[in-house]
Amino acid sequence: MKHLILGYPRAKNKWSCLERALKKNGHDVDVVTENFDNIVGPYDRIYTVSESLLPLHAKLEKSWGLNSISEKAADILSDKSKDLFNELFGDK
């Protein structure tokens, strides 16, 4: 299985543990921490260790036919200023 991990260099402690665990279990892993516009896939699974990269995660999944996160969910989860309940369910 081919995995992609999205993160930033400052979060190396988070993505390096995930990378190591996947590799120890025989998986192919690529980590991208910069030049996010140059990602070439497809991948079987994507992991994101920073909420601000969730919109990119959703965009890549959509282009590769994966579906674990929607673009709307990624947008909501990456923007702390939004009211999550009202975004999902409207005013009640």
Protein backbone atom coordinates (compact mmCIF):
# COMPACT_ATOMS: atom_id res chain seq x y z
CA MET A 1 0.00 0.00 0.00
CA LYS A 2 1.31 3.45 -0.92
CA HIS A 3 0.89 6.21 1.69
CA LEU A 4 1.34 9.98 1.58
CA ILE A 5 1.97 12.00 4.73
CA LEU A 6 1.42 15.77 4.56
CA GLY A 7 3.00 17.97 7.21
CA TYR A 8 5.38 20.79 7.97
CA PRO A 9 9.06 20.46 8.95
CA ARG A 10 8.26 21.82 12.44
CA ALA A 11 5.95 18.83 13.06
CA LYS A 12 8.61 16.21 12.34
CA ASN A 13 7.98 14.48 15.66
CA LYS A 14 4.40 13.74 14.56
CA TRP A 15 4.91 12.58 10.99
CA SER A 16 8.20 10.75 11.57
CA CYS A 17 6.60 8.33 14.05
CA LEU A 18 3.78 7.58 11.62
CA GLU A 19 6.25 7.16 8.77
CA ARG A 20 8.41 4.78 10.80
CA ALA A 21 5.43 2.65 11.88
CA LEU A 22 4.09 2.32 8.33
CA LYS A 23 7.52 1.40 6.94
CA LYS A 24 8.05 -1.21 9.67
CA ASN A 25 4.82 -2.82 8.49
CA GLY A 26 6.02 -3.03 4.90
CA HIS A 27 4.25 -0.02 3.41
CA ASP A 28 5.65 2.49 0.92
CA VAL A 29 5.60 5.98 2.44
CA ASP A 30 6.30 9.44 1.04
CA VAL A 31 6.43 12.50 3.30
CA VAL A 32 5.83 15.95 1.83
CA THR A 33 6.70 18.95 3.99
CA GLU A 34 7.13 21.61 1.30
CA ASN A 35 6.43 22.18 -2.41
CA PHE A 36 2.88 20.93 -1.99
CA ASP A 37 2.09 21.89 -5.60
CA ASN A 38 4.48 19.22 -6.88
CA ILE A 39 2.80 16.13 -5.40
CA VAL A 40 2.47 13.32 -7.93
CA GLY A 41 0.20 10.42 -7.07
CA PRO A 42 -1.91 8.52 -6.85
CA TYR A 43 -1.63 7.17 -3.32
CA ASP A 44 -3.83 4.60 -1.56
CA ARG A 45 -4.08 6.60 1.66
CA ILE A 46 -3.27 10.14 2.79
CA TYR A 47 -2.46 11.30 6.32
CA THR A 48 -2.30 14.95 7.35
CA VAL A 49 -0.64 16.07 10.58
CA SER A 50 -1.65 19.73 10.31
CA GLU A 51 -5.22 21.00 10.15
CA SER A 52 -4.24 23.77 7.74
CA LEU A 53 -3.34 21.11 5.14
CA LEU A 54 -6.75 19.43 5.26
CA PRO A 55 -8.09 21.34 2.22
CA LEU A 56 -5.12 20.07 0.19
CA HIS A 57 -5.72 16.57 1.58
CA ALA A 58 -9.35 16.68 0.41
CA LYS A 59 -8.38 18.03 -3.02
CA LEU A 60 -5.84 15.24 -3.55
CA GLU A 61 -8.28 12.57 -2.39
CA LYS A 62 -10.91 13.84 -4.80
CA SER A 63 -8.49 13.78 -7.72
CA TRP A 64 -7.35 10.22 -6.89
CA GLY A 65 -10.79 8.76 -6.21
CA LEU A 66 -10.36 8.40 -2.44
CA ASN A 67 -13.04 9.53 -0.09
CA SER A 68 -12.18 9.72 3.60
CA ILE A 69 -12.65 13.50 3.91
CA SER A 70 -14.88 15.87 1.97
CA GLU A 71 -13.79 19.30 0.82
CA LYS A 72 -16.48 20.88 3.01
CA ALA A 73 -15.32 19.00 6.12
CA ALA A 74 -11.70 19.92 5.41
CA ASP A 75 -12.65 23.57 5.04
CA ILE A 76 -14.59 23.58 8.31
CA LEU A 77 -11.92 21.73 10.28
CA SER A 78 -9.09 23.90 8.99
CA ASP A 79 -10.79 27.22 9.88
CA LYS A 80 -10.99 27.68 13.65
CA SER A 81 -13.12 30.81 13.29
CA LYS A 82 -16.11 28.91 11.92
CA ASP A 83 -18.90 27.63 14.13
CA LEU A 84 -18.77 23.90 13.43
CA PHE A 85 -22.31 23.11 14.62
CA ASN A 86 -23.95 25.82 12.53
CA GLU A 87 -21.85 24.93 9.48
CA LEU A 88 -23.03 21.34 9.65
CA PHE A 89 -26.60 21.67 10.91
CA GLY A 90 -27.60 25.31 10.40
CA ASP A 91 -29.18 27.53 13.04
CA LYS A 92 -31.45 25.51 15.30
